[in-house]
Amino acid sequence: SDCMLYTDINNPTYNSIQANWIGIFNINELNNFCLFIQNYFSDKSSLE
């Protein structure tokens, strides 16, 4: 919400952008990322 966008984000050149403040996410990798978060915070060795 504190980012401002000055380009057409649908330009295929930018499909690979992925950061936590701006990024292109497809549903499959987003689902995997949520599972990744859940798994890391559920296991002590993963937290280490």
All heavy atoms as atom14 arrays in JSON, in Angstrom:
{
  "sequence": "SDCMLYTDINNPTYNSIQANWIGIFNINELNNFCLFIQNYFSDKSSLE",
  "atom14_mask": [
    [1, 1, 1, 1, 1, 1, 0, 0, 0, 0, 0, 0, 0, 0],
    [1, 1, 1, 1, 1, 1, 1, 1, 0, 0, 0, 0, 0, 0],
    [1, 1, 1, 1, 1, 1, 0, 0, 0, 0, 0, 0, 0, 0],
    [1, 1, 1, 1, 1, 1, 1, 1, 0, 0, 0, 0, 0, 0],
    [1, 1, 1, 1, 1, 1, 1, 1, 0, 0, 0, 0, 0, 0],
    [1, 1, 1, 1, 1, 1, 1, 1, 1, 1, 1, 1, 0, 0],
    [1, 1, 1, 1, 1, 1, 1, 0, 0, 0, 0, 0, 0, 0],
    [1, 1, 1, 1, 1, 1, 1, 1, 0, 0, 0, 0, 0, 0],
    [1, 1, 1, 1, 1, 1, 1, 1, 0, 0, 0, 0, 0, 0],
    [1, 1, 1, 1, 1, 1, 1, 1, 0, 0, 0, 0, 0, 0],
    [1, 1, 1, 1, 1, 1, 1, 1, 0, 0, 0, 0, 0, 0],
    [1, 1, 1, 1, 1, 1, 1, 0, 0, 0, 0, 0, 0, 0],
    [1, 1, 1, 1, 1, 1, 1, 0, 0, 0, 0, 0, 0, 0],
    [1, 1, 1, 1, 1, 1, 1, 1, 1, 1, 1, 1, 0, 0],
    [1, 1, 1, 1, 1, 1, 1, 1, 0, 0, 0, 0, 0, 0],
    [1, 1, 1, 1, 1, 1, 0, 0, 0, 0, 0, 0, 0, 0],
    [1, 1, 1, 1, 1, 1, 1, 1, 0, 0, 0, 0, 0, 0],
    [1, 1, 1, 1, 1, 1, 1, 1, 1, 0, 0, 0, 0, 0],
    [1, 1, 1, 1, 1, 0, 0, 0, 0, 0, 0, 0, 0, 0],
    [1, 1, 1, 1, 1, 1, 1, 1, 0, 0, 0, 0, 0, 0],
    [1, 1, 1, 1, 1, 1, 1, 1, 1, 1, 1, 1, 1, 1],
    [1, 1, 1, 1, 1, 1, 1, 1, 0, 0, 0, 0, 0, 0],
    [1, 1, 1, 1, 0, 0, 0, 0, 0, 0, 0, 0, 0, 0],
    [1, 1, 1, 1, 1, 1, 1, 1, 0, 0, 0, 0, 0, 0],
    [1, 1, 1, 1, 1, 1, 1, 1, 1, 1, 1, 0, 0, 0],
    [1, 1, 1, 1, 1, 1, 1, 1, 0, 0, 0, 0, 0, 0],
    [1, 1, 1, 1, 1, 1, 1, 1, 0, 0, 0, 0, 0, 0],
    [1, 1, 1, 1, 1, 1, 1, 1, 0, 0, 0, 0, 0, 0],
    [1, 1, 1, 1, 1, 1, 1, 1, 1, 0, 0, 0, 0, 0],
    [1, 1, 1, 1, 1, 1, 1, 1, 0, 0, 0, 0, 0, 0],
    [1, 1, 1, 1, 1, 1, 1, 1, 0, 0, 0, 0, 0, 0],
    [1, 1, 1, 1, 1, 1, 1, 1, 0, 0, 0, 0, 0, 0],
    [1, 1, 1, 1, 1, 1, 1, 1, 1, 1, 1, 0, 0, 0],
    [1, 1, 1, 1, 1, 1, 0, 0, 0, 0, 0, 0, 0, 0],
    [1, 1, 1, 1, 1, 1, 1, 1, 0, 0, 0, 0, 0, 0],
    [1, 1, 1, 1, 1, 1, 1, 1, 1, 1, 1, 0, 0, 0],
    [1, 1, 1, 1, 1, 1, 1, 1, 0, 0, 0, 0, 0, 0],
    [1, 1, 1, 1, 1, 1, 1, 1, 1, 0, 0, 0, 0, 0],
    [1, 1, 1, 1, 1, 1, 1, 1, 0, 0, 0, 0, 0, 0],
    [1, 1, 1, 1, 1, 1, 1, 1, 1, 1, 1, 1, 0, 0],
    [1, 1, 1, 1, 1, 1, 1, 1, 1, 1, 1, 0, 0, 0],
    [1, 1, 1, 1, 1, 1, 0, 0, 0, 0, 0, 0, 0, 0],
    [1, 1, 1, 1, 1, 1, 1, 1, 0, 0, 0, 0, 0, 0],
    [1, 1, 1, 1, 1, 1, 1, 1, 1, 0, 0, 0, 0, 0],
    [1, 1, 1, 1, 1, 1, 0, 0, 0, 0, 0, 0, 0, 0],
    [1, 1, 1, 1, 1, 1, 0, 0, 0, 0, 0, 0, 0, 0],
    [1, 1, 1, 1, 1, 1, 1, 1, 0, 0, 0, 0, 0, 0],
    [1, 1, 1, 1, 1, 1, 1, 1, 1, 0, 0, 0, 0, 0]
  ],
  "atom14_positions": [
    [[0.81, -1.22, 0.0], [0.0, 0.0, 0.0], [0.84, 1.26, 0.0], [0.31, 2.36, -0.22], [-0.95, 0.01, 1.2], [-0.23, -0.14, 2.42], [0.0, 0.0, 0.0], [0.0, 0.0, 0.0], [0.0, 0.0, 0.0], [0.0, 0.0, 0.0], [0.0, 0.0, 0.0], [0.0, 0.0, 0.0], [0.0, 0.0, 0.0], [0.0, 0.0, 0.0]],
    [[2.15, 1.16, 0.23], [3.02, 2.34, 0.16], [3.9, 2.32, -1.1], [4.93, 2.98, -1.15], [3.87, 2.5, 1.41], [4.74, 1.29, 1.71], [4.67, 0.29, 0.97], [5.5, 1.33, 2.71], [0.0, 0.0, 0.0], [0.0, 0.0, 0.0], [0.0, 0.0, 0.0], [0.0, 0.0, 0.0], [0.0, 0.0, 0.0], [0.0, 0.0, 0.0]],
    [[3.47, 1.57, -2.1], [4.13, 1.54, -3.4], [3.28, 2.29, -4.42], [2.05, 2.26, -4.35], [4.34, 0.12, -3.9], [5.67, -0.77, -3.1], [0.0, 0.0, 0.0], [0.0, 0.0, 0.0], [0.0, 0.0, 0.0], [0.0, 0.0, 0.0], [0.0, 0.0, 0.0], [0.0, 0.0, 0.0], [0.0, 0.0, 0.0], [0.0, 0.0, 0.0]],
    [[3.95, 2.92, -5.37], [3.24, 3.58, -6.46], [3.79, 3.04, -7.77], [5.0, 2.92, -7.96], [3.38, 5.09, -6.36], [2.73, 5.63, -5.09], [2.67, 7.42, -4.96], [1.38, 7.81, -6.13], [0.0, 0.0, 0.0], [0.0, 0.0, 0.0], [0.0, 0.0, 0.0], [0.0, 0.0, 0.0], [0.0, 0.0, 0.0], [0.0, 0.0, 0.0]],
    [[2.87, 2.72, -8.68], [3.19, 2.01, -9.92], [3.06, 2.96, -11.1], [2.03, 3.62, -11.26], [2.23, 0.82, -10.06], [2.47, -0.18, -11.16], [3.84, -0.84, -11.06], [1.37, -1.26, -11.11], [0.0, 0.0, 0.0], [0.0, 0.0, 0.0], [0.0, 0.0, 0.0], [0.0, 0.0, 0.0], [0.0, 0.0, 0.0], [0.0, 0.0, 0.0]],
    [[4.09, 2.98, -11.96], [4.12, 3.93, -13.07], [4.27, 3.24, -14.43], [4.66, 3.88, -15.4], [5.28, 4.92, -12.87], [5.17, 5.73, -11.61], [5.86, 5.36, -10.46], [4.35, 6.85, -11.55], [5.75, 6.09, -9.29], [4.23, 7.59, -10.38], [4.93, 7.2, -9.25], [4.81, 7.93, -8.09], [0.0, 0.0, 0.0], [0.0, 0.0, 0.0]],
    [[3.96, 1.95, -14.49], [4.1, 1.23, -15.75], [2.97, 0.22, -15.9], [2.29, -0.1, -14.92], [5.46, 0.5, -15.81], [5.68, 0.03, -17.14], [5.51, -0.67, -14.85], [0.0, 0.0, 0.0], [0.0, 0.0, 0.0], [0.0, 0.0, 0.0], [0.0, 0.0, 0.0], [0.0, 0.0, 0.0], [0.0, 0.0, 0.0], [0.0, 0.0, 0.0]],
    [[2.78, -0.26, -17.13], [1.81, -1.31, -17.39], [2.4, -2.63, -16.9], [3.32, -3.16, -17.51], [1.49, -1.38, -18.88], [0.45, -2.44, -19.21], [-0.01, -3.14, -18.29], [0.1, -2.57, -20.41], [0.0, 0.0, 0.0], [0.0, 0.0, 0.0], [0.0, 0.0, 0.0], [0.0, 0.0, 0.0], [0.0, 0.0, 0.0], [0.0, 0.0, 0.0]],
    [[1.88, -3.13, -15.82], [2.44, -4.33, -15.2], [2.13, -5.57, -16.01], [2.7, -6.65, -15.76], [1.93, -4.47, -13.74], [2.86, -5.37, -12.92], [0.48, -4.95, -13.71], [4.25, -4.84, -12.75], [0.0, 0.0, 0.0], [0.0, 0.0, 0.0], [0.0, 0.0, 0.0], [0.0, 0.0, 0.0], [0.0, 0.0, 0.0], [0.0, 0.0, 0.0]],
    [[1.25, -5.47, -17.01], [0.94, -6.62, -17.86], [1.98, -6.85, -18.94], [1.87, -7.81, -19.7], [-0.45, -6.44, -18.49], [-1.55, -6.55, -17.47], [-1.94, -7.64, -17.07], [-2.06, -5.4, -17.02], [0.0, 0.0, 0.0], [0.0, 0.0, 0.0], [0.0, 0.0, 0.0], [0.0, 0.0, 0.0], [0.0, 0.0, 0.0], [0.0, 0.0, 0.0]],
    [[2.98, -5.98, -19.04], [4.07, -6.19, -19.97], [4.76, -7.51, -19.64], [5.24, -7.7, -18.52], [5.06, -5.02, -19.84], [6.19, -5.08, -20.84], [6.58, -6.15, -21.31], [6.76, -3.93, -21.15], [0.0, 0.0, 0.0], [0.0, 0.0, 0.0], [0.0, 0.0, 0.0], [0.0, 0.0, 0.0], [0.0, 0.0, 0.0], [0.0, 0.0, 0.0]],
    [[4.82, -8.46, -20.58], [5.41, -9.78, -20.29], [6.85, -9.71, -19.78], [7.3, -10.64, -19.1], [5.35, -10.5, -21.65], [4.29, -9.8, -22.42], [4.32, -8.36, -21.97], [0.0, 0.0, 0.0], [0.0, 0.0, 0.0], [0.0, 0.0, 0.0], [0.0, 0.0, 0.0], [0.0, 0.0, 0.0], [0.0, 0.0, 0.0], [0.0, 0.0, 0.0]],
    [[7.55, -8.63, -20.06], [8.93, -8.47, -19.58], [9.0, -8.56, -18.06], [10.01, -9.0, -17.5], [9.5, -7.11, -20.03], [9.42, -7.02, -21.45], [10.94, -6.94, -19.59], [0.0, 0.0, 0.0], [0.0, 0.0, 0.0], [0.0, 0.0, 0.0], [0.0, 0.0, 0.0], [0.0, 0.0, 0.0], [0.0, 0.0, 0.0], [0.0, 0.0, 0.0]],
    [[7.9, -8.17, -17.38], [7.92, -8.06, -15.93], [7.31, -9.27, -15.22], [7.11, -9.24, -14.01], [7.2, -6.79, -15.5], [7.73, -5.54, -16.17], [6.87, -4.55, -16.64], [9.1, -5.35, -16.34], [7.36, -3.4, -17.27], [9.59, -4.21, -16.97], [8.73, -3.25, -17.43], [9.21, -2.12, -18.04], [0.0, 0.0, 0.0], [0.0, 0.0, 0.0]],
    [[7.04, -10.33, -15.95], [6.38, -11.5, -15.35], [7.19, -12.15, -14.25], [6.65, -12.88, -13.42], [6.05, -12.54, -16.42], [4.77, -12.2, -17.17], [4.0, -11.34, -16.75], [4.54, -12.88, -18.29], [0.0, 0.0, 0.0], [0.0, 0.0, 0.0], [0.0, 0.0, 0.0], [0.0, 0.0, 0.0], [0.0, 0.0, 0.0], [0.0, 0.0, 0.0]],
    [[8.49, -11.93, -14.25], [9.35, -12.61, -13.28], [9.57, -11.81, -12.0], [10.25, -12.27, -11.08], [10.71, -12.92, -13.91], [11.33, -11.72, -14.36], [0.0, 0.0, 0.0], [0.0, 0.0, 0.0], [0.0, 0.0, 0.0], [0.0, 0.0, 0.0], [0.0, 0.0, 0.0], [0.0, 0.0, 0.0], [0.0, 0.0, 0.0], [0.0, 0.0, 0.0]],
    [[9.01, -10.61, -11.91], [9.19, -9.79, -10.7], [8.52, -10.48, -9.52], [7.36, -10.9, -9.59], [8.55, -8.4, -10.87], [9.23, -7.65, -12.0], [8.64, -7.6, -9.59], [8.49, -6.39, -12.38], [0.0, 0.0, 0.0], [0.0, 0.0, 0.0], [0.0, 0.0, 0.0], [0.0, 0.0, 0.0], [0.0, 0.0, 0.0], [0.0, 0.0, 0.0]],
    [[9.25, -10.59, -8.41], [8.64, -11.19, -7.22], [9.37, -10.73, -5.97], [10.48, -11.16, -5.68], [8.66, -12.71, -7.33], [7.6, -13.38, -6.46], [7.45, -14.85, -6.79], [8.14, -15.67, -6.2], [6.59, -15.16, -7.73], [0.0, 0.0, 0.0], [0.0, 0.0, 0.0], [0.0, 0.0, 0.0], [0.0, 0.0, 0.0], [0.0, 0.0, 0.0]],
    [[8.75, -9.81, -5.26], [9.24, -9.35, -3.97], [8.04, -9.19, -3.05], [6.89, -9.28, -3.5], [10.0, -8.03, -4.12], [0.0, 0.0, 0.0], [0.0, 0.0, 0.0], [0.0, 0.0, 0.0], [0.0, 0.0, 0.0], [0.0, 0.0, 0.0], [0.0, 0.0, 0.0], [0.0, 0.0, 0.0], [0.0, 0.0, 0.0], [0.0, 0.0, 0.0]],
    [[8.29, -8.94, -1.78], [7.15, -8.85, -0.87], [6.47, -7.49, -0.92], [5.41, -7.31, -0.33], [7.57, -9.2, 0.56], [8.45, -8.16, 1.17], [9.32, -7.59, 0.52], [8.24, -7.88, 2.46], [0.0, 0.0, 0.0], [0.0, 0.0, 0.0], [0.0, 0.0, 0.0], [0.0, 0.0, 0.0], [0.0, 0.0, 0.0], [0.0, 0.0, 0.0]],
    [[7.02, -6.51, -1.64], [6.36, -5.22, -1.79], [5.74, -5.05, -3.18], [4.84, -4.26, -3.36], [7.33, -4.07, -1.49], [8.53, -4.04, -2.39], [8.64, -3.36, -3.58], [9.77, -4.69, -2.19], [9.88, -3.56, -4.12], [10.6, -4.38, -3.28], [10.27, -5.51, -1.16], [11.9, -4.87, -3.4], [11.57, -5.99, -1.28], [12.36, -5.67, -2.38]],
    [[6.21, -5.79, -4.17], [5.6, -5.82, -5.49], [5.98, -7.13, -6.15], [7.12, -7.59, -6.04], [6.06, -4.62, -6.36], [5.33, -4.63, -7.72], [7.57, -4.6, -6.55], [5.56, -3.37, -8.55], [0.0, 0.0, 0.0], [0.0, 0.0, 0.0], [0.0, 0.0, 0.0], [0.0, 0.0, 0.0], [0.0, 0.0, 0.0], [0.0, 0.0, 0.0]],
    [[5.02, -7.76, -6.8], [5.35, -9.02, -7.44], [4.2, -9.57, -8.26], [3.04, -9.23, -8.05], [0.0, 0.0, 0.0], [0.0, 0.0, 0.0], [0.0, 0.0, 0.0], [0.0, 0.0, 0.0], [0.0, 0.0, 0.0], [0.0, 0.0, 0.0], [0.0, 0.0, 0.0], [0.0, 0.0, 0.0], [0.0, 0.0, 0.0], [0.0, 0.0, 0.0]],
    [[4.57, -10.41, -9.22], [3.6, -11.14, -10.02], [3.51, -12.55, -9.44], [4.52, -13.27, -9.39], [4.02, -11.21, -11.5], [4.37, -9.82, -12.03], [2.91, -11.86, -12.32], [3.25, -8.81, -11.95], [0.0, 0.0, 0.0], [0.0, 0.0, 0.0], [0.0, 0.0, 0.0], [0.0, 0.0, 0.0], [0.0, 0.0, 0.0], [0.0, 0.0, 0.0]],
    [[2.33, -12.94, -8.99], [2.14, -14.24, -8.36], [1.04, -15.02, -9.07], [-0.05, -14.49, -9.28], [1.76, -14.07, -6.88], [2.85, -13.5, -6.03], [2.99, -12.13, -5.87], [3.77, -14.34, -5.4], [4.0, -11.59, -5.09], [4.78, -13.81, -4.61], [4.9, -12.44, -4.45], [0.0, 0.0, 0.0], [0.0, 0.0, 0.0], [0.0, 0.0, 0.0]],
    [[1.35, -16.27, -9.44], [0.26, -17.12, -9.92], [-0.25, -17.94, -8.75], [0.42, -18.09, -7.72], [0.69, -17.99, -11.11], [1.71, -19.05, -10.75], [1.5, -19.86, -9.85], [2.84, -19.06, -11.46], [0.0, 0.0, 0.0], [0.0, 0.0, 0.0], [0.0, 0.0, 0.0], [0.0, 0.0, 0.0], [0.0, 0.0, 0.0], [0.0, 0.0, 0.0]],
    [[-1.43, -18.47, -8.9], [-2.11, -19.1, -7.77], [-1.37, -20.33, -7.27], [-1.35, -20.6, -6.06], [-3.58, -19.44, -8.12], [-4.36, -19.91, -6.89], [-3.65, -20.43, -9.26], [-4.45, -18.88, -5.79], [0.0, 0.0, 0.0], [0.0, 0.0, 0.0], [0.0, 0.0, 0.0], [0.0, 0.0, 0.0], [0.0, 0.0, 0.0], [0.0, 0.0, 0.0]],
    [[-0.71, -21.06, -8.17], [-0.02, -22.28, -7.74], [1.19, -21.95, -6.86], [1.37, -22.55, -5.8], [0.41, -23.09, -8.96], [-0.77, -23.69, -9.7], [-1.78, -24.04, -9.08], [-0.65, -23.81, -11.0], [0.0, 0.0, 0.0], [0.0, 0.0, 0.0], [0.0, 0.0, 0.0], [0.0, 0.0, 0.0], [0.0, 0.0, 0.0], [0.0, 0.0, 0.0]],
    [[2.03, -20.99, -7.3], [3.19, -20.66, -6.49], [2.79, -19.94, -5.21], [3.45, -20.08, -4.17], [4.21, -19.86, -7.28], [3.76, -18.51, -7.76], [4.78, -17.89, -8.71], [5.86, -18.47, -8.89], [4.47, -16.82, -9.27], [0.0, 0.0, 0.0], [0.0, 0.0, 0.0], [0.0, 0.0, 0.0], [0.0, 0.0, 0.0], [0.0, 0.0, 0.0]],
    [[1.69, -19.19, -5.25], [1.22, -18.54, -4.03], [0.72, -19.57, -3.02], [0.99, -19.45, -1.81], [0.11, -17.54, -4.37], [-0.35, -16.62, -3.25], [0.82, -15.8, -2.7], [-1.44, -15.68, -3.75], [0.0, 0.0, 0.0], [0.0, 0.0, 0.0], [0.0, 0.0, 0.0], [0.0, 0.0, 0.0], [0.0, 0.0, 0.0], [0.0, 0.0, 0.0]],
    [[0.04, -20.59, -3.52], [-0.39, -21.66, -2.64], [0.81, -22.38, -2.03], [0.84, -22.67, -0.83], [-1.27, -22.66, -3.4], [-1.89, -23.69, -2.49], [-2.63, -23.36, -1.57], [-1.59, -24.95, -2.74], [0.0, 0.0, 0.0], [0.0, 0.0, 0.0], [0.0, 0.0, 0.0], [0.0, 0.0, 0.0], [0.0, 0.0, 0.0], [0.0, 0.0, 0.0]],
    [[1.84, -22.61, -2.85], [3.05, -23.24, -2.35], [3.76, -22.36, -1.33], [4.31, -22.87, -0.34], [4.0, -23.55, -3.51], [3.51, -24.68, -4.38], [2.74, -25.53, -3.93], [3.94, -24.71, -5.63], [0.0, 0.0, 0.0], [0.0, 0.0, 0.0], [0.0, 0.0, 0.0], [0.0, 0.0, 0.0], [0.0, 0.0, 0.0], [0.0, 0.0, 0.0]],
    [[3.74, -21.05, -1.56], [4.39, -20.14, -0.61], [3.66, -20.15, 0.74], [4.29, -20.14, 1.8], [4.45, -18.73, -1.18], [5.16, -17.74, -0.31], [6.39, -18.04, 0.26], [4.59, -16.49, -0.05], [7.06, -17.11, 1.07], [5.25, -15.57, 0.75], [6.48, -15.88, 1.32], [0.0, 0.0, 0.0], [0.0, 0.0, 0.0], [0.0, 0.0, 0.0]],
    [[2.34, -20.19, 0.71], [1.57, -20.25, 1.96], [1.88, -21.54, 2.72], [2.03, -21.53, 3.96], [0.08, -20.14, 1.67], [-0.45, -18.48, 1.15], [0.0, 0.0, 0.0], [0.0, 0.0, 0.0], [0.0, 0.0, 0.0], [0.0, 0.0, 0.0], [0.0, 0.0, 0.0], [0.0, 0.0, 0.0], [0.0, 0.0, 0.0], [0.0, 0.0, 0.0]],
    [[1.98, -22.65, 2.0], [2.35, -23.92, 2.64], [3.76, -23.84, 3.2], [4.05, -24.36, 4.29], [2.25, -25.06, 1.63], [0.84, -25.43, 1.17], [0.89, -26.44, 0.03], [0.01, -25.97, 2.33], [0.0, 0.0, 0.0], [0.0, 0.0, 0.0], [0.0, 0.0, 0.0], [0.0, 0.0, 0.0], [0.0, 0.0, 0.0], [0.0, 0.0, 0.0]],
    [[4.63, -23.17, 2.48], [6.02, -22.96, 2.89], [6.07, -22.19, 4.21], [6.79, -22.56, 5.15], [6.73, -22.18, 1.78], [8.21, -22.09, 1.89], [9.02, -23.15, 1.51], [8.81, -20.93, 2.34], [10.41, -23.06, 1.58], [10.19, -20.82, 2.42], [10.99, -21.89, 2.03], [0.0, 0.0, 0.0], [0.0, 0.0, 0.0], [0.0, 0.0, 0.0]],
    [[5.29, -21.1, 4.3], [5.22, -20.31, 5.53], [4.71, -21.17, 6.69], [5.29, -21.21, 7.78], [4.31, -19.08, 5.34], [4.9, -18.12, 4.31], [4.11, -18.36, 6.67], [3.97, -16.99, 3.92], [0.0, 0.0, 0.0], [0.0, 0.0, 0.0], [0.0, 0.0, 0.0], [0.0, 0.0, 0.0], [0.0, 0.0, 0.0], [0.0, 0.0, 0.0]],
    [[3.59, -21.86, 6.44], [2.98, -22.69, 7.48], [3.95, -23.75, 7.98], [4.09, -23.95, 9.19], [1.72, -23.36, 6.92], [0.94, -24.19, 7.92], [0.2, -23.35, 8.94], [-0.42, -22.35, 8.6], [0.27, -23.74, 10.21], [0.0, 0.0, 0.0], [0.0, 0.0, 0.0], [0.0, 0.0, 0.0], [0.0, 0.0, 0.0], [0.0, 0.0, 0.0]],
    [[4.65, -24.4, 7.06], [5.57, -25.47, 7.45], [6.75, -24.95, 8.24], [7.18, -25.58, 9.22], [6.05, -26.22, 6.21], [4.95, -27.04, 5.57], [3.96, -27.39, 6.22], [5.09, -27.34, 4.28], [0.0, 0.0, 0.0], [0.0, 0.0, 0.0], [0.0, 0.0, 0.0], [0.0, 0.0, 0.0], [0.0, 0.0, 0.0], [0.0, 0.0, 0.0]],
    [[7.3, -23.8, 7.85], [8.46, -23.27, 8.55], [8.13, -22.84, 9.97], [8.94, -23.01, 10.88], [9.08, -22.11, 7.76], [10.26, -22.55, 6.94], [10.07, -23.11, 5.68], [11.56, -22.45, 7.42], [11.14, -23.57, 4.92], [12.64, -22.9, 6.68], [12.43, -23.46, 5.43], [13.5, -23.91, 4.69], [0.0, 0.0, 0.0], [0.0, 0.0, 0.0]],
    [[6.95, -22.32, 10.18], [6.6, -21.87, 11.52], [6.02, -23.0, 12.38], [5.76, -22.8, 13.56], [5.6, -20.71, 11.45], [6.25, -19.39, 11.15], [6.16, -18.83, 9.89], [6.98, -18.72, 12.12], [6.78, -17.62, 9.6], [7.6, -17.53, 11.84], [7.51, -16.97, 10.58], [0.0, 0.0, 0.0], [0.0, 0.0, 0.0], [0.0, 0.0, 0.0]],
    [[5.86, -24.17, 11.8], [5.31, -25.31, 12.54], [6.39, -26.24, 13.07], [6.09, -27.17, 13.83], [4.36, -26.11, 11.64], [3.29, -25.32, 11.19], [0.0, 0.0, 0.0], [0.0, 0.0, 0.0], [0.0, 0.0, 0.0], [0.0, 0.0, 0.0], [0.0, 0.0, 0.0], [0.0, 0.0, 0.0], [0.0, 0.0, 0.0], [0.0, 0.0, 0.0]],
    [[7.64, -26.01, 12.67], [8.7, -26.95, 12.98], [9.91, -26.22, 13.55], [10.42, -25.27, 12.95], [9.08, -27.71, 11.7], [10.2, -28.7, 11.93], [9.95, -29.73, 12.57], [11.33, -28.43, 11.46], [0.0, 0.0, 0.0], [0.0, 0.0, 0.0], [0.0, 0.0, 0.0], [0.0, 0.0, 0.0], [0.0, 0.0, 0.0], [0.0, 0.0, 0.0]],
    [[10.39, -26.67, 14.7], [11.48, -25.99, 15.39], [12.77, -26.0, 14.57], [13.46, -24.99, 14.48], [11.72, -26.65, 16.75], [12.78, -25.94, 17.58], [12.91, -26.56, 18.97], [13.98, -25.83, 19.78], [14.1, -26.41, 21.15], [0.0, 0.0, 0.0], [0.0, 0.0, 0.0], [0.0, 0.0, 0.0], [0.0, 0.0, 0.0], [0.0, 0.0, 0.0]],
    [[13.11, -27.12, 13.97], [14.35, -27.18, 13.19], [14.27, -26.29, 11.96], [15.28, -25.69, 11.55], [14.65, -28.63, 12.77], [13.64, -29.14, 11.92], [0.0, 0.0, 0.0], [0.0, 0.0, 0.0], [0.0, 0.0, 0.0], [0.0, 0.0, 0.0], [0.0, 0.0, 0.0], [0.0, 0.0, 0.0], [0.0, 0.0, 0.0], [0.0, 0.0, 0.0]],
    [[13.07, -26.17, 11.37], [12.89, -25.27, 10.22], [13.07, -23.82, 10.65], [13.65, -23.01, 9.91], [11.51, -25.47, 9.6], [11.4, -26.76, 9.04], [0.0, 0.0, 0.0], [0.0, 0.0, 0.0], [0.0, 0.0, 0.0], [0.0, 0.0, 0.0], [0.0, 0.0, 0.0], [0.0, 0.0, 0.0], [0.0, 0.0, 0.0], [0.0, 0.0, 0.0]],
    [[12.58, -23.48, 11.85], [12.77, -22.13, 12.36], [14.25, -21.83, 12.58], [14.71, -20.71, 12.33], [11.99, -21.94, 13.66], [10.48, -21.73, 13.54], [9.86, -21.63, 14.92], [10.16, -20.49, 12.73], [0.0, 0.0, 0.0], [0.0, 0.0, 0.0], [0.0, 0.0, 0.0], [0.0, 0.0, 0.0], [0.0, 0.0, 0.0], [0.0, 0.0, 0.0]],
    [[14.98, -22.81, 13.05], [16.42, -22.62, 13.23], [17.1, -22.37, 11.88], [17.99, -21.52, 11.76], [17.01, -23.85, 13.92], [16.59, -23.96, 15.39], [17.0, -25.29, 16.03], [17.34, -26.22, 15.25], [16.96, -25.39, 17.26], [0.0, 0.0, 0.0], [0.0, 0.0, 0.0], [0.0, 0.0, 0.0], [0.0, 0.0, 0.0], [0.0, 0.0, 0.0]]
  ]
}
